[in-house]
Amino acid sequence: MRSFGMSEKGPVRDMNEDSFAAEMVGNCLCMAVADGVGGEACGEIASRIAVESVMKELKESLPFVKDREDLPSYLKTVYNKVNIRILHDCLEHRERMGMCTTLTAAILKGTELTVAHIGDTRGYLLHGNELIKLTEDHNQAGNLVRKGLLTEDDAKHHPGRNRLLMVLGENQYLNPDIYSYNISYGDLVFLCSDGLYSFMSNEQFKACAVERNNLEGICGKLINKALEGGSSDNITVMIGRAEPVAEL
């Protein structure tokens, strides 16, 4: 399996508060993208801790999870461990108190995909010519979409899209969304921050991914399209391609 990620500070922000990583853990491709919450203290530190911590946890303990059915409870435990690490860092560095972040992580094993999600960093699947949104946004605009009071297109410009309802960095038990999908070989899995998906249509997104084997090229085209669309945020995208893996 292959992956590639790319991140861009964007034309307005002074720093990049997004973080991303990908690594093979056994025969599983693990990917993560986090978006430090803008306007809060040290968002870039929160996103970095989230990504580094979730990857560390996966490397240390994912090989011991033998059944796919155990992944949801396992990932909820992982997310809460990551959350505790962010909170501990706030206690050690009082100037970071209040820092928080989104986090979306994906585990891809052949055609088995599991996604864990908190916040408004999104997961997408490109299957054939169909772009499928895999996650639900944990913000006020997303809540209105789920209630049928707002369309997906209108949500991109609604002020409630910047008001997150769930983040890591909260002093409470977290209950991340966990999604399990059966996909096909050749499908592309995307994790991306709102600085990317909020500034293009689904058709523009798909047009950037015509060359399915060129993951680096797709990332570059997506970021350029977001910039052309007027993105004023940090922009991050990570892609994984579903391919056969040898059992270890």
C-alpha atoms as a PDB file:
ATOM      1  CA  MET A   1       0.000   0.000   0.000  1.00  0.00           C
ATOM      2  CA  ARG A   2       1.142   3.518  -0.761  1.00  0.00           C
ATOM      3  CA  SER A   3       0.506   6.921   0.765  1.00  0.00           C
ATOM      4  CA  PHE A   4       1.521  10.527   0.349  1.00  0.00           C
ATOM      5  CA  GLY A   5       0.748  13.722   2.246  1.00  0.00           C
ATOM      6  CA  MET A   6       1.266  17.424   1.710  1.00  0.00           C
ATOM      7  CA  SER A   7       0.595  20.559   3.766  1.00  0.00           C
ATOM      8  CA  GLU A   8       0.570  24.275   2.940  1.00  0.00           C
ATOM      9  CA  LYS A   9       0.475  27.207   5.361  1.00  0.00           C
ATOM     10  CA  GLY A  10      -1.695  29.207   3.009  1.00  0.00           C
ATOM     11  CA  PRO A  11      -1.587  32.892   2.086  1.00  0.00           C
ATOM     12  CA  VAL A  12      -2.958  34.371   5.336  1.00  0.00           C
ATOM     13  CA  ARG A  13      -1.921  32.381   8.413  1.00  0.00           C
ATOM     14  CA  ASP A  14       1.398  33.102  10.147  1.00  0.00           C
ATOM     15  CA  MET A  15       1.990  29.427  10.934  1.00  0.00           C
ATOM     16  CA  ASN A  16       0.720  26.010   9.954  1.00  0.00           C
ATOM     17  CA  GLU A  17      -1.428  24.500  12.709  1.00  0.00           C
ATOM     18  CA  ASP A  18      -2.036  21.274  10.734  1.00  0.00           C
ATOM     19  CA  SER A  19      -0.078  18.063  11.323  1.00  0.00           C
ATOM     20  CA  PHE A  20      -0.081  14.774   9.422  1.00  0.00           C
ATOM     21  CA  ALA A  21       1.679  11.412   9.313  1.00  0.00           C
ATOM     22  CA  ALA A  22       1.508   7.986   7.704  1.00  0.00           C
ATOM     23  CA  GLU A  23       3.299   4.752   8.475  1.00  0.00           C
ATOM     24  CA  MET A  24       2.993   1.039   7.822  1.00  0.00           C
ATOM     25  CA  VAL A  25       2.294  -0.883  11.023  1.00  0.00           C
ATOM     26  CA  GLY A  26       2.622  -4.524  10.138  1.00  0.00           C
ATOM     27  CA  ASN A  27       0.369  -4.963   7.096  1.00  0.00           C
ATOM     28  CA  CYS A  28      -1.771  -1.929   7.925  1.00  0.00           C
ATOM     29  CA  LEU A  29      -1.367   1.563   6.507  1.00  0.00           C
ATOM     30  CA  CYS A  30      -2.002   4.056   9.316  1.00  0.00           C
ATOM     31  CA  MET A  31      -2.673   7.708   8.478  1.00  0.00           C
ATOM     32  CA  ALA A  32      -3.597  10.718  10.608  1.00  0.00           C
ATOM     33  CA  VAL A  33      -4.383  14.386  10.046  1.00  0.00           C
ATOM     34  CA  ALA A  34      -5.008  16.949  12.794  1.00  0.00           C
ATOM     35  CA  ASP A  35      -5.958  20.617  12.606  1.00  0.00           C
ATOM     36  CA  GLY A  36      -5.072  22.731  15.628  1.00  0.00           C
ATOM     37  CA  VAL A  37      -8.030  24.921  16.443  1.00  0.00           C
ATOM     38  CA  GLY A  38      -7.460  28.434  15.098  1.00  0.00           C
ATOM     39  CA  GLY A  39      -7.739  31.233  17.610  1.00  0.00           C
ATOM     40  CA  GLU A  40      -6.876  28.965  20.524  1.00  0.00           C
ATOM     41  CA  ALA A  41      -3.557  28.816  22.376  1.00  0.00           C
ATOM     42  CA  CYS A  42      -0.856  26.737  20.678  1.00  0.00           C
ATOM     43  CA  GLY A  43      -3.058  24.908  18.192  1.00  0.00           C
ATOM     44  CA  GLU A  44      -0.011  23.805  16.228  1.00  0.00           C
ATOM     45  CA  ILE A  45       1.392  22.093  19.339  1.00  0.00           C
ATOM     46  CA  ALA A  46      -1.901  20.342  20.042  1.00  0.00           C
ATOM     47  CA  SER A  47      -2.122  18.970  16.490  1.00  0.00           C
ATOM     48  CA  ARG A  48       1.497  17.786  16.586  1.00  0.00           C
ATOM     49  CA  ILE A  49       1.006  16.007  19.909  1.00  0.00           C
ATOM     50  CA  ALA A  50      -2.191  14.399  18.598  1.00  0.00           C
ATOM     51  CA  VAL A  51      -0.592  13.022  15.435  1.00  0.00           C
ATOM     52  CA  GLU A  52       2.646  11.916  17.094  1.00  0.00           C
ATOM     53  CA  SER A  53       0.748  10.286  19.967  1.00  0.00           C
ATOM     54  CA  VAL A  54      -1.790   8.429  17.852  1.00  0.00           C
ATOM     55  CA  MET A  55       0.943   7.061  15.601  1.00  0.00           C
ATOM     56  CA  LYS A  56       3.000   6.000  18.622  1.00  0.00           C
ATOM     57  CA  GLU A  57       0.012   4.195  20.117  1.00  0.00           C
ATOM     58  CA  LEU A  58      -0.776   2.441  16.839  1.00  0.00           C
ATOM     59  CA  LYS A  59       2.813   1.293  16.355  1.00  0.00           C
ATOM     60  CA  GLU A  60       2.988  -0.079  19.887  1.00  0.00           C
ATOM     61  CA  SER A  61      -0.365  -1.815  20.198  1.00  0.00           C
ATOM     62  CA  LEU A  62      -2.175  -2.223  16.850  1.00  0.00           C
ATOM     63  CA  PRO A  63      -0.296  -5.469  16.038  1.00  0.00           C
ATOM     64  CA  PHE A  64      -1.966  -7.048  19.083  1.00  0.00           C
ATOM     65  CA  VAL A  65      -5.493  -6.301  17.781  1.00  0.00           C
ATOM     66  CA  LYS A  66      -6.306  -9.498  15.903  1.00  0.00           C
ATOM     67  CA  ASP A  67      -9.999  -9.044  15.091  1.00  0.00           C
ATOM     68  CA  ARG A  68     -11.478  -6.219  13.047  1.00  0.00           C
ATOM     69  CA  GLU A  69     -14.465  -6.157  15.389  1.00  0.00           C
ATOM     70  CA  ASP A  70     -12.158  -5.056  18.213  1.00  0.00           C
ATOM     71  CA  LEU A  71     -10.927  -1.937  16.380  1.00  0.00           C
ATOM     72  CA  PRO A  72     -13.741   0.430  17.472  1.00  0.00           C
ATOM     73  CA  SER A  73     -13.200  -0.059  21.204  1.00  0.00           C
ATOM     74  CA  TYR A  74      -9.435  -0.084  20.683  1.00  0.00           C
ATOM     75  CA  LEU A  75      -9.466   3.229  18.787  1.00  0.00           C
ATOM     76  CA  LYS A  76     -11.671   4.877  21.402  1.00  0.00           C
ATOM     77  CA  THR A  77      -9.087   3.897  24.015  1.00  0.00           C
ATOM     78  CA  VAL A  78      -6.296   5.254  21.798  1.00  0.00           C
ATOM     79  CA  TYR A  79      -8.074   8.583  21.328  1.00  0.00           C
ATOM     80  CA  ASN A  80      -8.555   9.006  25.044  1.00  0.00           C
ATOM     81  CA  LYS A  81      -4.879   8.269  25.676  1.00  0.00           C
ATOM     82  CA  VAL A  82      -3.994  10.933  23.118  1.00  0.00           C
ATOM     83  CA  ASN A  83      -6.382  13.355  24.786  1.00  0.00           C
ATOM     84  CA  ILE A  84      -4.756  12.740  28.169  1.00  0.00           C
ATOM     85  CA  ARG A  85      -1.338  13.486  26.691  1.00  0.00           C
ATOM     86  CA  ILE A  86      -2.581  16.845  25.428  1.00  0.00           C
ATOM     87  CA  LEU A  87      -4.070  17.654  28.832  1.00  0.00           C
ATOM     88  CA  HIS A  88      -0.851  16.636  30.626  1.00  0.00           C
ATOM     89  CA  ASP A  89       1.142  18.875  28.312  1.00  0.00           C
ATOM     90  CA  CYS A  90      -1.150  21.775  29.249  1.00  0.00           C
ATOM     91  CA  LEU A  91      -0.463  21.138  32.934  1.00  0.00           C
ATOM     92  CA  GLU A  92       3.293  21.068  32.324  1.00  0.00           C
ATOM     93  CA  HIS A  93       3.179  24.224  30.194  1.00  0.00           C
ATOM     94  CA  ARG A  94       0.538  26.548  31.615  1.00  0.00           C
ATOM     95  CA  GLU A  95       0.883  28.923  28.665  1.00  0.00           C
ATOM     96  CA  ARG A  96      -0.601  26.167  26.494  1.00  0.00           C
ATOM     97  CA  MET A  97      -3.738  25.816  28.608  1.00  0.00           C
ATOM     98  CA  GLY A  98      -6.779  25.580  26.363  1.00  0.00           C
ATOM     99  CA  MET A  99      -5.006  24.225  23.301  1.00  0.00           C
ATOM    100  CA  CYS A 100      -7.079  21.742  21.318  1.00  0.00           C
ATOM    101  CA  THR A 101      -7.234  20.013  17.953  1.00  0.00           C
ATOM    102  CA  THR A 102      -9.238  17.868  15.582  1.00  0.00           C
ATOM    103  CA  LEU A 103      -7.979  14.374  14.732  1.00  0.00           C
ATOM    104  CA  THR A 104      -8.947  11.961  11.993  1.00  0.00           C
ATOM    105  CA  ALA A 105      -7.069   8.668  11.716  1.00  0.00           C
ATOM    106  CA  ALA A 106      -7.443   5.835   9.239  1.00  0.00           C
ATOM    107  CA  ILE A 107      -6.307   2.209   9.309  1.00  0.00           C
ATOM    108  CA  LEU A 108      -6.252   0.559   5.882  1.00  0.00           C
ATOM    109  CA  LYS A 109      -5.585  -3.163   5.523  1.00  0.00           C
ATOM    110  CA  GLY A 110      -6.144  -4.353   1.990  1.00  0.00           C
ATOM    111  CA  THR A 111      -9.803  -3.527   1.384  1.00  0.00           C
ATOM    112  CA  GLU A 112     -10.687  -3.081   5.062  1.00  0.00           C
ATOM    113  CA  LEU A 113     -10.858   0.560   6.143  1.00  0.00           C
ATOM    114  CA  THR A 114     -11.482   1.856   9.660  1.00  0.00           C
ATOM    115  CA  VAL A 115     -11.672   5.585  10.413  1.00  0.00           C
ATOM    116  CA  ALA A 116     -11.678   7.293  13.825  1.00  0.00           C
ATOM    117  CA  HIS A 117     -12.799  10.897  13.880  1.00  0.00           C
ATOM    118  CA  ILE A 118     -13.229  13.951  16.111  1.00  0.00           C
ATOM    119  CA  GLY A 119     -13.692  17.472  14.754  1.00  0.00           C
ATOM    120  CA  ASP A 120     -14.051  18.698  11.178  1.00  0.00           C
ATOM    121  CA  THR A 121     -11.004  17.168   9.507  1.00  0.00           C
ATOM    122  CA  ARG A 122     -12.635  14.920   6.915  1.00  0.00           C
ATOM    123  CA  GLY A 123     -12.190  11.502   5.395  1.00  0.00           C
ATOM    124  CA  TYR A 124     -13.148  10.843   1.773  1.00  0.00           C
ATOM    125  CA  LEU A 125     -13.158   7.762  -0.443  1.00  0.00           C
ATOM    126  CA  LEU A 126     -12.727   7.911  -4.212  1.00  0.00           C
ATOM    127  CA  HIS A 127     -14.334   4.750  -5.593  1.00  0.00           C
ATOM    128  CA  GLY A 128     -14.513   4.715  -9.372  1.00  0.00           C
ATOM    129  CA  ASN A 129     -15.895   8.136 -10.254  1.00  0.00           C
ATOM    130  CA  GLU A 130     -17.744   8.491  -6.950  1.00  0.00           C
ATOM    131  CA  LEU A 131     -16.399  10.718  -4.174  1.00  0.00           C
ATOM    132  CA  ILE A 132     -17.844   9.584  -0.844  1.00  0.00           C
ATOM    133  CA  LYS A 133     -17.610  11.617   2.370  1.00  0.00           C
ATOM    134  CA  LEU A 134     -16.719   9.158   5.127  1.00  0.00           C
ATOM    135  CA  THR A 135     -17.017  11.382   8.220  1.00  0.00           C
ATOM    136  CA  GLU A 136     -19.471  13.846   9.764  1.00  0.00           C
ATOM    137  CA  ASP A 137     -18.303  17.310  10.821  1.00  0.00           C
ATOM    138  CA  HIS A 138     -18.454  17.963  14.557  1.00  0.00           C
ATOM    139  CA  ASN A 139     -19.359  21.628  14.231  1.00  0.00           C
ATOM    140  CA  GLN A 140     -22.544  23.699  14.339  1.00  0.00           C
ATOM    141  CA  ALA A 141     -22.866  23.793  10.559  1.00  0.00           C
ATOM    142  CA  GLY A 142     -22.500  20.009  10.362  1.00  0.00           C
ATOM    143  CA  ASN A 143     -25.151  19.623  13.027  1.00  0.00           C
ATOM    144  CA  LEU A 144     -27.554  21.704  10.923  1.00  0.00           C
ATOM    145  CA  VAL A 145     -26.754  19.560   7.871  1.00  0.00           C
ATOM    146  CA  ARG A 146     -27.572  16.391   9.806  1.00  0.00           C
ATOM    147  CA  LYS A 147     -30.911  17.914  10.843  1.00  0.00           C
ATOM    148  CA  GLY A 148     -31.732  18.774   7.246  1.00  0.00           C
ATOM    149  CA  LEU A 149     -31.658  22.518   7.930  1.00  0.00           C
ATOM    150  CA  LEU A 150     -28.597  23.270   5.806  1.00  0.00           C
ATOM    151  CA  THR A 151     -27.132  21.853   2.589  1.00  0.00           C
ATOM    152  CA  GLU A 152     -23.525  20.670   2.312  1.00  0.00           C
ATOM    153  CA  ASP A 153     -22.735  23.553  -0.045  1.00  0.00           C
ATOM    154  CA  ASP A 154     -24.298  26.136   2.268  1.00  0.00           C
ATOM    155  CA  ALA A 155     -22.375  24.682   5.215  1.00  0.00           C
ATOM    156  CA  LYS A 156     -19.078  25.680   3.559  1.00  0.00           C
ATOM    157  CA  HIS A 157     -19.941  29.352   4.106  1.00  0.00           C
ATOM    158  CA  HIS A 158     -22.027  29.144   7.282  1.00  0.00           C
ATOM    159  CA  PRO A 159     -20.465  30.829  10.354  1.00  0.00           C
ATOM    160  CA  GLY A 160     -21.202  27.690  12.349  1.00  0.00           C
ATOM    161  CA  ARG A 161     -18.526  25.759  10.457  1.00  0.00           C
ATOM    162  CA  ASN A 162     -15.917  27.430  12.682  1.00  0.00           C
ATOM    163  CA  ARG A 163     -17.670  26.440  15.925  1.00  0.00           C
ATOM    164  CA  LEU A 164     -16.471  22.975  16.846  1.00  0.00           C
ATOM    165  CA  LEU A 165     -18.584  20.770  19.107  1.00  0.00           C
ATOM    166  CA  MET A 166     -15.947  18.050  19.733  1.00  0.00           C
ATOM    167  CA  VAL A 167     -12.148  18.365  19.945  1.00  0.00           C
ATOM    168  CA  LEU A 168      -9.178  16.735  21.625  1.00  0.00           C
ATOM    169  CA  GLY A 169      -7.981  18.813  24.545  1.00  0.00           C
ATOM    170  CA  GLU A 170     -11.223  18.679  26.499  1.00  0.00           C
ATOM    171  CA  ASN A 171     -11.119  17.508  30.103  1.00  0.00           C
ATOM    172  CA  GLN A 172     -13.628  14.729  29.628  1.00  0.00           C
ATOM    173  CA  TYR A 173     -14.000  11.201  28.229  1.00  0.00           C
ATOM    174  CA  LEU A 174     -14.044  11.321  24.432  1.00  0.00           C
ATOM    175  CA  ASN A 175     -16.328   9.235  22.252  1.00  0.00           C
ATOM    176  CA  PRO A 176     -14.931   9.540  18.717  1.00  0.00           C
ATOM    177  CA  ASP A 177     -16.931   8.460  15.698  1.00  0.00           C
ATOM    178  CA  ILE A 178     -15.684   5.119  14.393  1.00  0.00           C
ATOM    179  CA  TYR A 179     -16.499   4.040  10.851  1.00  0.00           C
ATOM    180  CA  SER A 180     -15.798   0.695   9.177  1.00  0.00           C
ATOM    181  CA  TYR A 181     -15.892   0.266   5.406  1.00  0.00           C
ATOM    182  CA  ASN A 182     -15.228  -2.459   2.871  1.00  0.00           C
ATOM    183  CA  ILE A 183     -13.602  -0.799  -0.131  1.00  0.00           C
ATOM    184  CA  SER A 184     -11.960  -1.987  -3.363  1.00  0.00           C
ATOM    185  CA  TYR A 185      -8.374  -2.310  -4.546  1.00  0.00           C
ATOM    186  CA  GLY A 186      -7.384   0.871  -6.336  1.00  0.00           C
ATOM    187  CA  ASP A 187      -9.660   3.074  -4.226  1.00  0.00           C
ATOM    188  CA  LEU A 188      -8.116   6.217  -2.786  1.00  0.00           C
ATOM    189  CA  VAL A 189      -8.632   7.247   0.842  1.00  0.00           C
ATOM    190  CA  PHE A 190      -8.220  10.964   1.604  1.00  0.00           C
ATOM    191  CA  LEU A 191      -7.801  12.709   4.948  1.00  0.00           C
ATOM    192  CA  CYS A 192      -7.905  16.507   4.684  1.00  0.00           C
ATOM    193  CA  SER A 193      -8.334  19.658   6.726  1.00  0.00           C
ATOM    194  CA  ASP A 194     -11.136  22.143   6.147  1.00  0.00           C
ATOM    195  CA  GLY A 195      -8.728  24.519   4.433  1.00  0.00           C
ATOM    196  CA  LEU A 196      -8.878  22.113   1.494  1.00  0.00           C
ATOM    197  CA  TYR A 197     -12.405  20.736   1.144  1.00  0.00           C
ATOM    198  CA  SER A 198     -14.213  23.986   1.967  1.00  0.00           C
ATOM    199  CA  PHE A 199     -12.827  25.695  -1.133  1.00  0.00           C
ATOM    200  CA  MET A 200     -13.711  23.316  -3.939  1.00  0.00           C
ATOM    201  CA  SER A 201     -16.610  21.307  -5.281  1.00  0.00           C
ATOM    202  CA  ASN A 202     -16.719  17.519  -5.384  1.00  0.00           C
ATOM    203  CA  GLU A 203     -16.295  17.675  -9.159  1.00  0.00           C
ATOM    204  CA  GLN A 204     -13.152  19.777  -8.799  1.00  0.00           C
ATOM    205  CA  PHE A 205     -11.887  17.349  -6.153  1.00  0.00           C
ATOM    206  CA  LYS A 206     -12.364  14.391  -8.492  1.00  0.00           C
ATOM    207  CA  ALA A 207     -10.786  16.224 -11.423  1.00  0.00           C
ATOM    208  CA  CYS A 208      -7.584  16.584  -9.398  1.00  0.00           C
ATOM    209  CA  ALA A 209      -7.407  12.812  -8.890  1.00  0.00           C
ATOM    210  CA  VAL A 210      -7.593  11.567 -12.474  1.00  0.00           C
ATOM    211  CA  GLU A 211      -4.065  10.121 -12.384  1.00  0.00           C
ATOM    212  CA  ARG A 212      -4.754   7.563  -9.659  1.00  0.00           C
ATOM    213  CA  ASN A 213      -1.174   6.302  -9.432  1.00  0.00           C
ATOM    214  CA  ASN A 214       0.397   9.733  -8.932  1.00  0.00           C
ATOM    215  CA  LEU A 215      -0.418  10.420  -5.278  1.00  0.00           C
ATOM    216  CA  GLU A 216       2.074  13.277  -5.006  1.00  0.00           C
ATOM    217  CA  GLY A 217       0.632  14.925  -8.099  1.00  0.00           C
ATOM    218  CA  ILE A 218      -2.914  14.603  -6.755  1.00  0.00           C
ATOM    219  CA  CYS A 219      -1.909  16.252  -3.467  1.00  0.00           C
ATOM    220  CA  GLY A 220      -0.296  19.141  -5.311  1.00  0.00           C
ATOM    221  CA  LYS A 221      -3.300  19.658  -7.587  1.00  0.00           C
ATOM    222  CA  LEU A 222      -5.730  19.609  -4.658  1.00  0.00           C
ATOM    223  CA  ILE A 223      -3.751  22.183  -2.693  1.00  0.00           C
ATOM    224  CA  ASN A 224      -3.422  24.423  -5.748  1.00  0.00           C
ATOM    225  CA  LYS A 225      -7.164  24.134  -6.421  1.00  0.00           C
ATOM    226  CA  ALA A 226      -7.946  25.117  -2.822  1.00  0.00           C
ATOM    227  CA  LEU A 227      -5.659  28.144  -3.129  1.00  0.00           C
ATOM    228  CA  GLU A 228      -7.320  29.098  -6.419  1.00  0.00           C
ATOM    229  CA  GLY A 229     -10.667  28.777  -4.654  1.00  0.00           C
ATOM    230  CA  GLY A 230      -9.629  31.405  -2.108  1.00  0.00           C
ATOM    231  CA  SER A 231      -8.546  29.260   0.840  1.00  0.00           C
ATOM    232  CA  SER A 232      -7.272  31.463   3.658  1.00  0.00           C
ATOM    233  CA  ASP A 233      -6.607  28.548   6.024  1.00  0.00           C
ATOM    234  CA  ASN A 234      -3.881  25.950   6.420  1.00  0.00           C
ATOM    235  CA  ILE A 235      -4.333  23.222   3.807  1.00  0.00           C
ATOM    236  CA  THR A 236      -3.437  19.581   4.380  1.00  0.00           C
ATOM    237  CA  VAL A 237      -4.232  16.408   2.445  1.00  0.00           C
ATOM    238  CA  MET A 238      -3.073  12.823   2.909  1.00  0.00           C
ATOM    239  CA  ILE A 239      -3.853  10.005   0.473  1.00  0.00           C
ATOM    240  CA  GLY A 240      -3.682   6.234   0.871  1.00  0.00           C
ATOM    241  CA  ARG A 241      -4.228   3.755  -1.950  1.00  0.00           C
ATOM    242  CA  ALA A 242      -5.847   0.389  -1.275  1.00  0.00           C
ATOM    243  CA  GLU A 243      -3.574  -2.362  -2.552  1.00  0.00           C
ATOM    244  CA  PRO A 244      -3.088  -6.043  -1.740  1.00  0.00           C
ATOM    245  CA  VAL A 245      -0.875  -6.782   1.246  1.00  0.00           C
ATOM    246  CA  ALA A 246       0.948  -9.932   2.271  1.00  0.00           C
ATOM    247  CA  GLU A 247      -0.161 -11.397   5.571  1.00  0.00           C
ATOM    248  CA  LEU A 248       2.609 -11.360   8.152  1.00  0.00           C
END
